[in-house]
C-alpha atoms as a PDB file:
ATOM      1  CA  MET A   1      14.286  -2.283 -21.089  1.00  0.00           C
ATOM      2  CA  SER A   2      11.876  -4.339 -23.072  1.00  0.00           C
ATOM      3  CA  PRO A   3       8.348  -5.137 -21.860  1.00  0.00           C
ATOM      4  CA  GLU A   4       9.358  -8.797 -21.585  1.00  0.00           C
ATOM      5  CA  LEU A   5      12.302  -7.959 -19.298  1.00  0.00           C
ATOM      6  CA  ILE A   6      10.074  -5.826 -17.069  1.00  0.00           C
ATOM      7  CA  LYS A   7       7.437  -8.567 -16.997  1.00  0.00           C
ATOM      8  CA  ASP A   8      10.076 -11.065 -15.824  1.00  0.00           C
ATOM      9  CA  HIS A   9      10.587  -8.977 -12.669  1.00  0.00           C
ATOM     10  CA  PHE A  10       6.899  -9.270 -11.738  1.00  0.00           C
ATOM     11  CA  MET A  11       6.037 -12.835 -12.745  1.00  0.00           C
ATOM     12  CA  ARG A  12       6.936 -16.179 -11.205  1.00  0.00           C
ATOM     13  CA  LYS A  13       8.364 -18.973 -13.339  1.00  0.00           C
ATOM     14  CA  ASN A  14       4.887 -20.584 -13.494  1.00  0.00           C
ATOM     15  CA  GLY A  15       3.413 -17.382 -14.995  1.00  0.00           C
ATOM     16  CA  GLN A  16       1.610 -16.257 -11.829  1.00  0.00           C
ATOM     17  CA  PHE A  17       1.788 -12.647 -10.670  1.00  0.00           C
ATOM     18  CA  ALA A  18       4.517 -12.438  -7.990  1.00  0.00           C
ATOM     19  CA  PHE A  19       3.036  -9.767  -5.724  1.00  0.00           C
ATOM     20  CA  ALA A  20      -0.019  -9.507  -3.504  1.00  0.00           C
ATOM     21  CA  ARG A  21      -3.222  -8.017  -4.801  1.00  0.00           C
ATOM     22  CA  TRP A  22      -5.791  -6.640  -2.453  1.00  0.00           C
ATOM     23  CA  GLY A  23      -9.209  -8.178  -2.835  1.00  0.00           C
ATOM     24  CA  ARG A  24     -10.629  -5.977  -0.075  1.00  0.00           C
ATOM     25  CA  PRO A  25     -10.622  -2.213   0.443  1.00  0.00           C
ATOM     26  CA  ILE A  26      -7.359  -0.711   1.716  1.00  0.00           C
ATOM     27  CA  ALA A  27      -7.248   0.209   5.423  1.00  0.00           C
ATOM     28  CA  THR A  28      -4.280   2.508   6.037  1.00  0.00           C
ATOM     29  CA  VAL A  29      -2.534   3.291   9.313  1.00  0.00           C
ATOM     30  CA  GLY A  30       0.532   5.455   9.949  1.00  0.00           C
ATOM     31  CA  PHE A  31       2.945   5.169  12.886  1.00  0.00           C
ATOM     32  CA  GLY A  32       5.336   7.894  14.014  1.00  0.00           C
ATOM     33  CA  ILE A  33       3.326  10.640  12.350  1.00  0.00           C
ATOM     34  CA  GLU A  34       1.266  13.476  13.825  1.00  0.00           C
ATOM     35  CA  ASP A  35      -2.510  13.472  13.464  1.00  0.00           C
ATOM     36  CA  ASN A  36      -2.626  16.358  10.991  1.00  0.00           C
ATOM     37  CA  SER A  37       0.002  14.637   8.814  1.00  0.00           C
ATOM     38  CA  LEU A  38      -1.893  11.349   9.052  1.00  0.00           C
ATOM     39  CA  LEU A  39      -4.886  13.012   7.417  1.00  0.00           C
ATOM     40  CA  VAL A  40      -2.686  14.142   4.501  1.00  0.00           C
ATOM     41  CA  LEU A  41      -1.215  10.629   4.172  1.00  0.00           C
ATOM     42  CA  LYS A  42      -4.652   9.009   4.090  1.00  0.00           C
ATOM     43  CA  GLU A  43      -5.902  11.532   1.535  1.00  0.00           C
ATOM     44  CA  ALA A  44      -2.871  10.858  -0.682  1.00  0.00           C
ATOM     45  CA  VAL A  45      -3.466   7.102  -0.483  1.00  0.00           C
ATOM     46  CA  GLU A  46      -7.136   7.680  -1.293  1.00  0.00           C
ATOM     47  CA  VAL A  47      -6.192   9.653  -4.426  1.00  0.00           C
ATOM     48  CA  VAL A  48      -3.867   6.871  -5.640  1.00  0.00           C
ATOM     49  CA  LEU A  49      -6.509   4.232  -4.933  1.00  0.00           C
ATOM     50  CA  GLY A  50      -9.037   6.302  -6.855  1.00  0.00           C
ATOM     51  CA  LEU A  51      -6.707   6.313  -9.867  1.00  0.00           C
ATOM     52  CA  ALA A  52      -6.376   2.526  -9.510  1.00  0.00           C
ATOM     53  CA  ASN A  53     -10.157   2.171  -9.159  1.00  0.00           C
ATOM     54  CA  HIS A  54      -9.753   0.541  -5.722  1.00  0.00           C
ATOM     55  CA  ALA A  55     -11.709   1.223  -2.529  1.00  0.00           C
ATOM     56  CA  MET A  56     -10.495   2.512   0.838  1.00  0.00           C
ATOM     57  CA  THR A  57     -11.965   1.848   4.284  1.00  0.00           C
ATOM     58  CA  ASP A  58     -11.222   2.753   7.909  1.00  0.00           C
ATOM     59  CA  THR A  59     -10.559  -0.806   9.125  1.00  0.00           C
ATOM     60  CA  ASP A  60     -10.012  -4.245   7.673  1.00  0.00           C
ATOM     61  CA  PRO A  61     -12.463  -6.745   9.231  1.00  0.00           C
ATOM     62  CA  GLU A  62      -9.777  -9.428   9.711  1.00  0.00           C
ATOM     63  CA  ILE A  63      -6.615  -7.589  10.725  1.00  0.00           C
ATOM     64  CA  GLY A  64      -7.599  -3.969  11.344  1.00  0.00           C
ATOM     65  CA  SER A  65      -5.167  -2.464   8.852  1.00  0.00           C
ATOM     66  CA  ASN A  66      -3.722  -3.907   5.675  1.00  0.00           C
ATOM     67  CA  LEU A  67      -1.399  -1.070   4.630  1.00  0.00           C
ATOM     68  CA  MET A  68       1.007   0.305   7.242  1.00  0.00           C
ATOM     69  CA  PHE A  69       3.428   3.214   7.041  1.00  0.00           C
ATOM     70  CA  PHE A  70       6.231   3.659   9.594  1.00  0.00           C
ATOM     71  CA  PHE A  71       7.999   7.020   9.918  1.00  0.00           C
ATOM     72  CA  LEU A  72      11.301   7.300  11.804  1.00  0.00           C
ATOM     73  CA  ARG A  73      13.402  10.340  12.549  1.00  0.00           C
ATOM     74  CA  SER A  74      16.679   8.423  12.763  1.00  0.00           C
ATOM     75  CA  GLY A  75      17.903   4.880  12.459  1.00  0.00           C
ATOM     76  CA  LYS A  76      20.067   5.414  15.538  1.00  0.00           C
ATOM     77  CA  SER A  77      18.803   4.824  19.059  1.00  0.00           C
END
């Protein structure tokens, strides 16, 4: 794949970036996960955000959380 072909997947026709960018610190929450695993998840997200030079916080002032993870054992009920 060429850089131009990859770029086409991430840009709108008007040249704007097609995906959301966080302007505020990331506030992560995990559902369907035990407390000790939640700590590992949050630490992993914090490491990735550190590599991206982006901040992390406990809560988003507008919506509480702005990055949610859902864990399910099975798709069947």
